[in-house]
C-alpha atoms as a PDB file:
ATOM      1  CA  UNK A   1     -42.887 -49.067  31.803  1.00  0.00           C
ATOM      2  CA  UNK A   2     -43.654 -50.502  28.404  1.00  0.00           C
ATOM      3  CA  UNK A   3     -43.525 -48.449  25.224  1.00  0.00           C
ATOM      4  CA  UNK A   4     -44.611 -49.237  21.671  1.00  0.00           C
ATOM      5  CA  UNK A   5     -42.545 -48.162  18.640  1.00  0.00           C
ATOM      6  CA  UNK A   6     -44.826 -48.156  15.585  1.00  0.00           C
ATOM      7  CA  UNK A   7     -42.763 -48.562  12.417  1.00  0.00           C
ATOM      8  CA  UNK A   8     -42.862 -50.462   9.146  1.00  0.00           C
ATOM      9  CA  UNK A   9     -39.846 -52.469  10.292  1.00  0.00           C
ATOM     10  CA  UNK A  10     -37.532 -52.600  13.289  1.00  0.00           C
ATOM     11  CA  UNK A  11     -34.523 -50.437  12.392  1.00  0.00           C
ATOM     12  CA  UNK A  12     -31.078 -50.217  13.953  1.00  0.00           C
ATOM     13  CA  UNK A  13     -32.164 -47.097  15.848  1.00  0.00           C
ATOM     14  CA  UNK A  14     -34.981 -49.094  17.446  1.00  0.00           C
ATOM     15  CA  UNK A  15     -32.591 -51.866  18.489  1.00  0.00           C
ATOM     16  CA  UNK A  16     -30.300 -49.361  20.235  1.00  0.00           C
ATOM     17  CA  UNK A  17     -33.306 -47.748  21.931  1.00  0.00           C
ATOM     18  CA  UNK A  18     -34.589 -51.113  23.146  1.00  0.00           C
ATOM     19  CA  UNK A  19     -31.227 -51.943  24.726  1.00  0.00           C
ATOM     20  CA  UNK A  20     -31.034 -48.579  26.468  1.00  0.00           C
ATOM     21  CA  UNK A  21     -34.611 -48.975  27.729  1.00  0.00           C
ATOM     22  CA  UNK A  22     -33.788 -52.340  29.311  1.00  0.00           C
ATOM     23  CA  UNK A  23     -30.942 -50.677  31.240  1.00  0.00           C
ATOM     24  CA  UNK A  24     -33.520 -48.320  32.739  1.00  0.00           C
ATOM     25  CA  UNK A  25     -35.962 -51.106  33.571  1.00  0.00           C
ATOM     26  CA  UNK A  26     -38.300 -50.391  30.659  1.00  0.00           C
ATOM     27  CA  UNK A  27     -39.396 -52.359  27.621  1.00  0.00           C
ATOM     28  CA  UNK A  28     -39.673 -50.921  24.123  1.00  0.00           C
ATOM     29  CA  UNK A  29     -41.316 -53.184  21.556  1.00  0.00           C
ATOM     30  CA  UNK A  30     -41.610 -52.793  17.811  1.00  0.00           C
ATOM     31  CA  UNK A  31     -45.208 -52.632  16.543  1.00  0.00           C
ATOM     32  CA  UNK A  32     -45.447 -53.276  12.792  1.00  0.00           C
ATOM     33  CA  UNK A  33     -48.364 -51.596  11.064  1.00  0.00           C
ATOM     34  CA  UNK A  34     -50.784 -54.488  10.559  1.00  0.00           C
ATOM     35  CA  UNK A  35     -53.125 -55.258   7.716  1.00  0.00           C
ATOM     36  CA  UNK A  36     -56.459 -53.850   8.817  1.00  0.00           C
ATOM     37  CA  UNK A  37     -59.770 -52.573   7.449  1.00  0.00           C
ATOM     38  CA  UNK A  38     -59.244 -49.104   5.994  1.00  0.00           C
ATOM     39  CA  UNK A  39     -61.901 -47.559   8.179  1.00  0.00           C
ATOM     40  CA  UNK A  40     -62.242 -45.478  11.305  1.00  0.00           C
ATOM     41  CA  UNK A  41     -63.382 -48.571  13.186  1.00  0.00           C
ATOM     42  CA  UNK A  42     -60.347 -50.545  11.999  1.00  0.00           C
ATOM     43  CA  UNK A  43     -57.859 -47.877  13.064  1.00  0.00           C
ATOM     44  CA  UNK A  44     -59.674 -47.331  16.362  1.00  0.00           C
ATOM     45  CA  UNK A  45     -59.392 -51.024  17.163  1.00  0.00           C
ATOM     46  CA  UNK A  46     -55.655 -50.904  16.434  1.00  0.00           C
ATOM     47  CA  UNK A  47     -55.199 -47.790  18.610  1.00  0.00           C
ATOM     48  CA  UNK A  48     -57.102 -49.346  21.521  1.00  0.00           C
ATOM     49  CA  UNK A  49     -55.091 -52.551  21.254  1.00  0.00           C
ATOM     50  CA  UNK A  50     -51.859 -50.531  21.432  1.00  0.00           C
ATOM     51  CA  UNK A  51     -53.134 -48.505  24.393  1.00  0.00           C
ATOM     52  CA  UNK A  52     -53.993 -51.677  26.309  1.00  0.00           C
ATOM     53  CA  UNK A  53     -50.458 -53.023  25.915  1.00  0.00           C
ATOM     54  CA  UNK A  54     -48.274 -49.919  26.251  1.00  0.00           C
ATOM     55  CA  UNK A  55     -47.865 -46.870  28.513  1.00  0.00           C
ATOM     56  CA  UNK A  56     -46.977 -44.595  25.563  1.00  0.00           C
ATOM     57  CA  UNK A  57     -46.467 -44.886  21.819  1.00  0.00           C
ATOM     58  CA  UNK A  58     -43.977 -43.546  19.278  1.00  0.00           C
ATOM     59  CA  UNK A  59     -45.334 -43.280  15.725  1.00  0.00           C
ATOM     60  CA  UNK A  60     -42.329 -43.673  13.408  1.00  0.00           C
ATOM     61  CA  UNK A  61     -44.090 -45.032  10.326  1.00  0.00           C
ATOM     62  CA  UNK A  62     -44.604 -42.805   7.302  1.00  0.00           C
ATOM     63  CA  UNK A  63     -44.393 -39.016   7.250  1.00  0.00           C
ATOM     64  CA  UNK A  64     -47.804 -37.570   6.496  1.00  0.00           C
ATOM     65  CA  UNK A  65     -49.740 -40.598   5.340  1.00  0.00           C
ATOM     66  CA  UNK A  66     -53.536 -40.671   5.822  1.00  0.00           C
ATOM     67  CA  UNK A  67     -53.306 -43.682   8.128  1.00  0.00           C
ATOM     68  CA  UNK A  68     -50.828 -41.882  10.398  1.00  0.00           C
ATOM     69  CA  UNK A  69     -52.885 -38.692  10.483  1.00  0.00           C
ATOM     70  CA  UNK A  70     -56.134 -40.505  11.296  1.00  0.00           C
ATOM     71  CA  UNK A  71     -54.380 -42.717  13.864  1.00  0.00           C
ATOM     72  CA  UNK A  72     -53.138 -39.529  15.548  1.00  0.00           C
ATOM     73  CA  UNK A  73     -56.621 -38.015  15.619  1.00  0.00           C
ATOM     74  CA  UNK A  74     -58.012 -41.183  17.179  1.00  0.00           C
ATOM     75  CA  UNK A  75     -55.253 -41.164  19.816  1.00  0.00           C
ATOM     76  CA  UNK A  76     -56.178 -37.576  20.726  1.00  0.00           C
ATOM     77  CA  UNK A  77     -59.867 -38.518  21.008  1.00  0.00           C
ATOM     78  CA  UNK A  78     -59.015 -41.524  23.208  1.00  0.00           C
ATOM     79  CA  UNK A  79     -56.321 -39.636  25.170  1.00  0.00           C
ATOM     80  CA  UNK A  80     -53.620 -42.120  24.147  1.00  0.00           C
ATOM     81  CA  UNK A  81     -50.101 -40.653  24.628  1.00  0.00           C
ATOM     82  CA  UNK A  82     -48.125 -40.760  21.386  1.00  0.00           C
ATOM     83  CA  UNK A  83     -44.885 -39.112  20.270  1.00  0.00           C
ATOM     84  CA  UNK A  84     -44.859 -37.810  16.683  1.00  0.00           C
ATOM     85  CA  UNK A  85     -48.615 -37.533  16.422  1.00  0.00           C
ATOM     86  CA  UNK A  86     -49.012 -37.029  12.674  1.00  0.00           C
ATOM     87  CA  UNK A  87     -52.338 -35.232  13.051  1.00  0.00           C
ATOM     88  CA  UNK A  88     -50.564 -32.377  14.876  1.00  0.00           C
ATOM     89  CA  UNK A  89     -48.133 -31.713  12.025  1.00  0.00           C
ATOM     90  CA  UNK A  90     -48.623 -28.782   9.678  1.00  0.00           C
ATOM     91  CA  UNK A  91     -49.760 -30.116   6.334  1.00  0.00           C
ATOM     92  CA  UNK A  92     -46.878 -30.852   3.919  1.00  0.00           C
ATOM     93  CA  UNK A  93     -44.214 -30.812   6.643  1.00  0.00           C
ATOM     94  CA  UNK A  94     -42.427 -33.607   4.787  1.00  0.00           C
ATOM     95  CA  UNK A  95     -42.361 -31.600   1.528  1.00  0.00           C
ATOM     96  CA  UNK A  96     -38.926 -30.037   0.861  1.00  0.00           C
ATOM     97  CA  UNK A  97     -40.391 -27.139  -1.117  1.00  0.00           C
ATOM     98  CA  UNK A  98     -42.773 -26.327   1.737  1.00  0.00           C
ATOM     99  CA  UNK A  99     -39.875 -26.544   4.196  1.00  0.00           C
ATOM    100  CA  UNK A 100     -37.758 -24.141   2.120  1.00  0.00           C
ATOM    101  CA  UNK A 101     -40.636 -21.667   1.812  1.00  0.00           C
ATOM    102  CA  UNK A 102     -41.274 -21.742   5.575  1.00  0.00           C
ATOM    103  CA  UNK A 103     -37.601 -21.259   6.426  1.00  0.00           C
ATOM    104  CA  UNK A 104     -37.428 -18.352   3.978  1.00  0.00           C
ATOM    105  CA  UNK A 105     -40.598 -16.787   5.363  1.00  0.00           C
ATOM    106  CA  UNK A 106     -39.059 -16.863   8.837  1.00  0.00           C
ATOM    107  CA  UNK A 107     -35.930 -15.122   7.549  1.00  0.00           C
ATOM    108  CA  UNK A 108     -33.722 -18.191   8.030  1.00  0.00           C
ATOM    109  CA  UNK A 109     -30.781 -18.823   5.677  1.00  0.00           C
ATOM    110  CA  UNK A 110     -31.470 -21.217   2.793  1.00  0.00           C
ATOM    111  CA  UNK A 111     -29.735 -21.862  -0.550  1.00  0.00           C
ATOM    112  CA  UNK A 112     -30.954 -19.902  -3.562  1.00  0.00           C
ATOM    113  CA  UNK A 113     -33.824 -21.993  -4.886  1.00  0.00           C
ATOM    114  CA  UNK A 114     -35.837 -22.015  -8.114  1.00  0.00           C
ATOM    115  CA  UNK A 115     -38.914 -23.872  -9.331  1.00  0.00           C
ATOM    116  CA  UNK A 116     -39.790 -24.471 -12.974  1.00  0.00           C
ATOM    117  CA  UNK A 117     -41.943 -26.930 -14.887  1.00  0.00           C
ATOM    118  CA  UNK A 118     -39.641 -26.665 -17.914  1.00  0.00           C
ATOM    119  CA  UNK A 119     -36.070 -26.766 -16.602  1.00  0.00           C
ATOM    120  CA  UNK A 120     -33.503 -25.208 -18.915  1.00  0.00           C
ATOM    121  CA  UNK A 121     -29.825 -25.528 -18.053  1.00  0.00           C
ATOM    122  CA  UNK A 122     -28.757 -22.113 -19.317  1.00  0.00           C
ATOM    123  CA  UNK A 123     -31.586 -20.355 -17.490  1.00  0.00           C
ATOM    124  CA  UNK A 124     -31.013 -22.186 -14.204  1.00  0.00           C
ATOM    125  CA  UNK A 125     -27.239 -21.720 -14.453  1.00  0.00           C
ATOM    126  CA  UNK A 126     -27.666 -17.965 -14.871  1.00  0.00           C
ATOM    127  CA  UNK A 127     -29.726 -17.802 -11.661  1.00  0.00           C
ATOM    128  CA  UNK A 128     -28.038 -20.417  -9.475  1.00  0.00           C
ATOM    129  CA  UNK A 129     -24.507 -20.761 -10.828  1.00  0.00           C
ATOM    130  CA  UNK A 130     -23.044 -24.154 -11.666  1.00  0.00           C
ATOM    131  CA  UNK A 131     -23.331 -26.928 -10.859  1.00  0.00           C
ATOM    132  CA  UNK A 132     -26.859 -26.960  -9.431  1.00  0.00           C
ATOM    133  CA  UNK A 133     -28.744 -29.404  -7.233  1.00  0.00           C
ATOM    134  CA  UNK A 134     -32.008 -30.980  -8.400  1.00  0.00           C
ATOM    135  CA  UNK A 135     -34.057 -32.416  -5.549  1.00  0.00           C
ATOM    136  CA  UNK A 136     -37.469 -34.076  -5.423  1.00  0.00           C
ATOM    137  CA  UNK A 137     -39.932 -32.521  -2.995  1.00  0.00           C
ATOM    138  CA  UNK A 138     -40.239 -35.906  -1.306  1.00  0.00           C
ATOM    139  CA  UNK A 139     -37.397 -38.353  -0.833  1.00  0.00           C
ATOM    140  CA  UNK A 140     -35.303 -39.916   1.913  1.00  0.00           C
ATOM    141  CA  UNK A 141     -31.688 -41.016   2.418  1.00  0.00           C
ATOM    142  CA  UNK A 142     -30.434 -38.982  -0.528  1.00  0.00           C
ATOM    143  CA  UNK A 143     -32.725 -40.555  -3.102  1.00  0.00           C
ATOM    144  CA  UNK A 144     -33.681 -38.303  -6.048  1.00  0.00           C
ATOM    145  CA  UNK A 145     -30.985 -35.734  -5.261  1.00  0.00           C
ATOM    146  CA  UNK A 146     -28.720 -34.992  -8.229  1.00  0.00           C
ATOM    147  CA  UNK A 147     -25.806 -32.722  -9.070  1.00  0.00           C
ATOM    148  CA  UNK A 148     -26.598 -31.173 -12.465  1.00  0.00           C
ATOM    149  CA  UNK A 149     -23.918 -29.839 -14.809  1.00  0.00           C
ATOM    150  CA  UNK A 150     -25.591 -29.818 -18.225  1.00  0.00           C
ATOM    151  CA  UNK A 151     -28.897 -29.984 -20.049  1.00  0.00           C
ATOM    152  CA  UNK A 152     -28.178 -33.653 -20.578  1.00  0.00           C
ATOM    153  CA  UNK A 153     -28.018 -34.195 -16.808  1.00  0.00           C
ATOM    154  CA  UNK A 154     -31.348 -32.406 -16.430  1.00  0.00           C
ATOM    155  CA  UNK A 155     -33.005 -34.512 -19.089  1.00  0.00           C
ATOM    156  CA  UNK A 156     -31.617 -37.728 -17.604  1.00  0.00           C
ATOM    157  CA  UNK A 157     -32.192 -37.098 -13.889  1.00  0.00           C
ATOM    158  CA  UNK A 158     -35.315 -34.951 -13.680  1.00  0.00           C
ATOM    159  CA  UNK A 159     -38.060 -37.319 -14.773  1.00  0.00           C
ATOM    160  CA  UNK A 160     -41.016 -35.157 -13.673  1.00  0.00           C
ATOM    161  CA  UNK A 161     -39.930 -31.481 -13.389  1.00  0.00           C
ATOM    162  CA  UNK A 162     -43.047 -30.401 -11.502  1.00  0.00           C
ATOM    163  CA  UNK A 163     -41.905 -32.624  -8.596  1.00  0.00           C
ATOM    164  CA  UNK A 164     -38.452 -31.022  -8.259  1.00  0.00           C
ATOM    165  CA  UNK A 165     -36.845 -27.906  -6.856  1.00  0.00           C
ATOM    166  CA  UNK A 166     -33.496 -26.569  -8.029  1.00  0.00           C
ATOM    167  CA  UNK A 167     -30.888 -25.085  -5.692  1.00  0.00           C
ATOM    168  CA  UNK A 168     -27.464 -23.529  -5.855  1.00  0.00           C
ATOM    169  CA  UNK A 169     -24.648 -25.947  -5.090  1.00  0.00           C
ATOM    170  CA  UNK A 170     -22.789 -24.944  -1.920  1.00  0.00           C
ATOM    171  CA  UNK A 171     -19.178 -26.175  -1.883  1.00  0.00           C
ATOM    172  CA  UNK A 172     -18.737 -27.997   1.425  1.00  0.00           C
ATOM    173  CA  UNK A 173     -16.713 -30.663   3.196  1.00  0.00           C
ATOM    174  CA  UNK A 174     -19.646 -32.138   5.098  1.00  0.00           C
ATOM    175  CA  UNK A 175     -23.172 -31.376   6.209  1.00  0.00           C
ATOM    176  CA  UNK A 176     -24.525 -31.271   9.758  1.00  0.00           C
ATOM    177  CA  UNK A 177     -27.479 -33.140  11.224  1.00  0.00           C
ATOM    178  CA  UNK A 178     -29.067 -31.828  14.435  1.00  0.00           C
ATOM    179  CA  UNK A 179     -31.601 -33.972  16.268  1.00  0.00           C
ATOM    180  CA  UNK A 180     -34.349 -31.836  17.800  1.00  0.00           C
ATOM    181  CA  UNK A 181     -36.692 -33.329  20.390  1.00  0.00           C
ATOM    182  CA  UNK A 182     -39.755 -31.378  21.543  1.00  0.00           C
ATOM    183  CA  UNK A 183     -38.266 -28.160  20.147  1.00  0.00           C
ATOM    184  CA  UNK A 184     -34.876 -28.559  21.858  1.00  0.00           C
ATOM    185  CA  UNK A 185     -31.664 -29.501  20.037  1.00  0.00           C
ATOM    186  CA  UNK A 186     -30.339 -32.594  21.815  1.00  0.00           C
ATOM    187  CA  UNK A 187     -27.268 -33.471  19.767  1.00  0.00           C
ATOM    188  CA  UNK A 188     -25.568 -32.722  16.482  1.00  0.00           C
ATOM    189  CA  UNK A 189     -22.890 -34.286  14.310  1.00  0.00           C
ATOM    190  CA  UNK A 190     -21.161 -33.857  11.004  1.00  0.00           C
ATOM    191  CA  UNK A 191     -21.980 -36.205   8.142  1.00  0.00           C
ATOM    192  CA  UNK A 192     -19.018 -36.673   5.822  1.00  0.00           C
ATOM    193  CA  UNK A 193     -19.667 -38.075   2.332  1.00  0.00           C
ATOM    194  CA  UNK A 194     -17.640 -40.903   0.879  1.00  0.00           C
ATOM    195  CA  UNK A 195     -14.979 -39.862  -1.608  1.00  0.00           C
ATOM    196  CA  UNK A 196     -17.015 -40.280  -4.800  1.00  0.00           C
ATOM    197  CA  UNK A 197     -20.298 -38.691  -3.656  1.00  0.00           C
ATOM    198  CA  UNK A 198     -21.472 -35.188  -2.758  1.00  0.00           C
ATOM    199  CA  UNK A 199     -24.297 -36.536  -0.587  1.00  0.00           C
ATOM    200  CA  UNK A 200     -23.380 -37.170   3.050  1.00  0.00           C
ATOM    201  CA  UNK A 201     -26.233 -39.520   3.978  1.00  0.00           C
ATOM    202  CA  UNK A 202     -25.025 -42.318   6.224  1.00  0.00           C
ATOM    203  CA  UNK A 203     -27.259 -44.712   4.271  1.00  0.00           C
ATOM    204  CA  UNK A 204     -25.173 -43.920   1.166  1.00  0.00           C
ATOM    205  CA  UNK A 205     -21.820 -44.654   2.761  1.00  0.00           C
ATOM    206  CA  UNK A 206     -21.118 -41.384   4.534  1.00  0.00           C
ATOM    207  CA  UNK A 207     -19.869 -41.403   8.105  1.00  0.00           C
ATOM    208  CA  UNK A 208     -20.519 -39.365  11.247  1.00  0.00           C
ATOM    209  CA  UNK A 209     -17.987 -37.333  13.193  1.00  0.00           C
ATOM    210  CA  UNK A 210     -18.186 -35.069  16.221  1.00  0.00           C
ATOM    211  CA  UNK A 211     -18.590 -31.290  16.200  1.00  0.00           C
ATOM    212  CA  UNK A 212     -15.779 -30.386  18.618  1.00  0.00           C
ATOM    213  CA  UNK A 213     -16.202 -26.613  18.535  1.00  0.00           C
ATOM    214  CA  UNK A 214     -18.685 -25.308  21.099  1.00  0.00           C
ATOM    215  CA  UNK A 215     -19.366 -22.116  19.140  1.00  0.00           C
ATOM    216  CA  UNK A 216     -20.176 -24.109  16.001  1.00  0.00           C
ATOM    217  CA  UNK A 217     -22.520 -26.358  17.975  1.00  0.00           C
ATOM    218  CA  UNK A 218     -24.372 -23.303  19.296  1.00  0.00           C
ATOM    219  CA  UNK A 219     -24.767 -21.874  15.782  1.00  0.00           C
ATOM    220  CA  UNK A 220     -26.234 -25.074  14.307  1.00  0.00           C
ATOM    221  CA  UNK A 221     -28.340 -25.822  17.400  1.00  0.00           C
ATOM    222  CA  UNK A 222     -29.893 -22.344  17.303  1.00  0.00           C
ATOM    223  CA  UNK A 223     -30.624 -22.631  13.570  1.00  0.00           C
ATOM    224  CA  UNK A 224     -32.130 -26.106  13.996  1.00  0.00           C
ATOM    225  CA  UNK A 225     -34.418 -24.963  16.806  1.00  0.00           C
ATOM    226  CA  UNK A 226     -35.476 -21.948  14.734  1.00  0.00           C
ATOM    227  CA  UNK A 227     -36.266 -24.259  11.816  1.00  0.00           C
ATOM    228  CA  UNK A 228     -38.434 -26.494  13.994  1.00  0.00           C
ATOM    229  CA  UNK A 229     -40.243 -23.436  15.344  1.00  0.00           C
ATOM    230  CA  UNK A 230     -41.506 -22.818  11.803  1.00  0.00           C
ATOM    231  CA  UNK A 231     -42.677 -26.445  11.394  1.00  0.00           C
ATOM    232  CA  UNK A 232     -43.301 -27.876  14.885  1.00  0.00           C
ATOM    233  CA  UNK A 233     -42.517 -31.563  15.194  1.00  0.00           C
ATOM    234  CA  UNK A 234     -41.855 -33.782  18.207  1.00  0.00           C
ATOM    235  CA  UNK A 235     -38.727 -35.418  16.790  1.00  0.00           C
ATOM    236  CA  UNK A 236     -36.870 -34.256  13.696  1.00  0.00           C
ATOM    237  CA  UNK A 237     -33.446 -34.185  12.105  1.00  0.00           C
ATOM    238  CA  UNK A 238     -32.459 -30.785  10.722  1.00  0.00           C
ATOM    239  CA  UNK A 239     -29.785 -30.758   8.017  1.00  0.00           C
ATOM    240  CA  UNK A 240     -27.470 -27.800   7.407  1.00  0.00           C
ATOM    241  CA  UNK A 241     -24.506 -27.057   5.152  1.00  0.00           C
ATOM    242  CA  UNK A 242     -21.666 -24.619   5.792  1.00  0.00           C
ATOM    243  CA  UNK A 243     -20.624 -23.032   2.518  1.00  0.00           C
ATOM    244  CA  UNK A 244     -16.875 -22.915   1.909  1.00  0.00           C
ATOM    245  CA  UNK A 245     -17.424 -19.734  -0.106  1.00  0.00           C
ATOM    246  CA  UNK A 246     -18.695 -17.490   2.699  1.00  0.00           C
ATOM    247  CA  UNK A 247     -18.418 -19.690   5.820  1.00  0.00           C
ATOM    248  CA  UNK A 248     -22.144 -19.330   6.566  1.00  0.00           C
ATOM    249  CA  UNK A 249     -24.646 -22.086   7.288  1.00  0.00           C
ATOM    250  CA  UNK A 250     -27.761 -22.718   5.212  1.00  0.00           C
ATOM    251  CA  UNK A 251     -30.746 -24.847   6.200  1.00  0.00           C
ATOM    252  CA  UNK A 252     -31.137 -27.684   3.717  1.00  0.00           C
ATOM    253  CA  UNK A 253     -34.103 -29.713   4.909  1.00  0.00           C
ATOM    254  CA  UNK A 254     -35.980 -31.258   7.791  1.00  0.00           C
ATOM    255  CA  UNK A 255     -36.239 -35.043   8.206  1.00  0.00           C
ATOM    256  CA  UNK A 256     -39.359 -36.083  10.089  1.00  0.00           C
ATOM    257  CA  UNK A 257     -38.189 -39.680  10.612  1.00  0.00           C
ATOM    258  CA  UNK A 258     -34.520 -39.330  11.564  1.00  0.00           C
ATOM    259  CA  UNK A 259     -32.278 -42.205  12.550  1.00  0.00           C
ATOM    260  CA  UNK A 260     -29.957 -41.942  15.545  1.00  0.00           C
ATOM    261  CA  UNK A 261     -28.114 -45.266  15.378  1.00  0.00           C
ATOM    262  CA  UNK A 262     -24.376 -45.370  16.078  1.00  0.00           C
ATOM    263  CA  UNK A 263     -23.942 -41.834  17.433  1.00  0.00           C
ATOM    264  CA  UNK A 264     -22.520 -42.727  20.857  1.00  0.00           C
ATOM    265  CA  UNK A 265     -18.945 -42.256  19.657  1.00  0.00           C
ATOM    266  CA  UNK A 266     -19.537 -38.824  18.084  1.00  0.00           C
ATOM    267  CA  UNK A 267     -21.943 -37.010  20.427  1.00  0.00           C
ATOM    268  CA  UNK A 268     -21.412 -36.265  24.094  1.00  0.00           C
ATOM    269  CA  UNK A 269     -24.786 -37.446  25.328  1.00  0.00           C
ATOM    270  CA  UNK A 270     -27.144 -40.364  24.810  1.00  0.00           C
ATOM    271  CA  UNK A 271     -30.002 -39.547  22.484  1.00  0.00           C
ATOM    272  CA  UNK A 272     -31.800 -42.724  23.573  1.00  0.00           C
ATOM    273  CA  UNK A 273     -31.851 -41.448  27.162  1.00  0.00           C
ATOM    274  CA  UNK A 274     -33.388 -38.148  26.044  1.00  0.00           C
ATOM    275  CA  UNK A 275     -36.016 -40.009  24.037  1.00  0.00           C
ATOM    276  CA  UNK A 276     -36.840 -42.333  26.928  1.00  0.00           C
ATOM    277  CA  UNK A 277     -37.231 -39.299  29.203  1.00  0.00           C
ATOM    278  CA  UNK A 278     -39.948 -38.049  26.833  1.00  0.00           C
ATOM    279  CA  UNK A 279     -41.647 -41.466  26.762  1.00  0.00           C
ATOM    280  CA  UNK A 280     -41.733 -41.477  30.575  1.00  0.00           C
ATOM    281  CA  UNK A 281     -43.138 -37.946  30.652  1.00  0.00           C
ATOM    282  CA  UNK A 282     -45.896 -38.849  28.181  1.00  0.00           C
ATOM    283  CA  UNK A 283     -46.851 -41.914  30.181  1.00  0.00           C
ATOM    284  CA  UNK A 284     -46.878 -40.056  33.523  1.00  0.00           C
ATOM    285  CA  UNK A 285     -48.919 -37.167  32.081  1.00  0.00           C
ATOM    286  CA  UNK A 286     -51.447 -39.664  30.738  1.00  0.00           C
ATOM    287  CA  UNK A 287     -51.761 -41.374  34.121  1.00  0.00           C
ATOM    288  CA  UNK A 288     -52.290 -38.092  35.933  1.00  0.00           C
END
């Protein structure tokens, strides 16, 4: 079979997936989003071209962009199988405030969180303790996430307060990322920050390590699946932190475009194989 991976650029995760696909007798090709007329006809032509070349598609570009949403709607109309169909996502799935509100509504554990258009250090400190975390609603790979310890930090880091949420800082050694595919937790791993950073993003120099304890894996897998149940998504990375103060996990956020490169040494199964299984299922369902 032949599968198309629609993304702005071919990432390391795609390269690993392509190699695994070739071992199974499949081909996975990167499809860059082309320049095209911004019209229904233009997107329809692109969708039809993809459908003619591939048995199933994986939309990895963007999070909730209008092009992705409309492309997904066209694929539904034309019965084109696509993983991560953006038109099926609840609106604002990518928004960290919306995620926190949905987790809270479902009774899932989250850090204490505040929103204010006029952030004041003394007021936030009295509610959240110190230090606090300031985080933009939208951001990837740790960008626009700051540890705040004074009014000066607030003034320097929070450029547009209405675009930020403020959370209690949870002392921790690492965070945990769980990859959830079609509602089922497939694998999880710890992300350990480098010595001079509190953020554990691998893109910022953190590193991955295994979760050896089976009971811990069950706890984070169950929480990740519960989080996805509140915001259904075909493929997502759910991030959690275990507080050193009370030993309990909190849901931090949901990443709708997670990477899975370089995990073979820290997880006990191949995520690429699980993803290819889904591609095959989509293609076979479309044929039938």
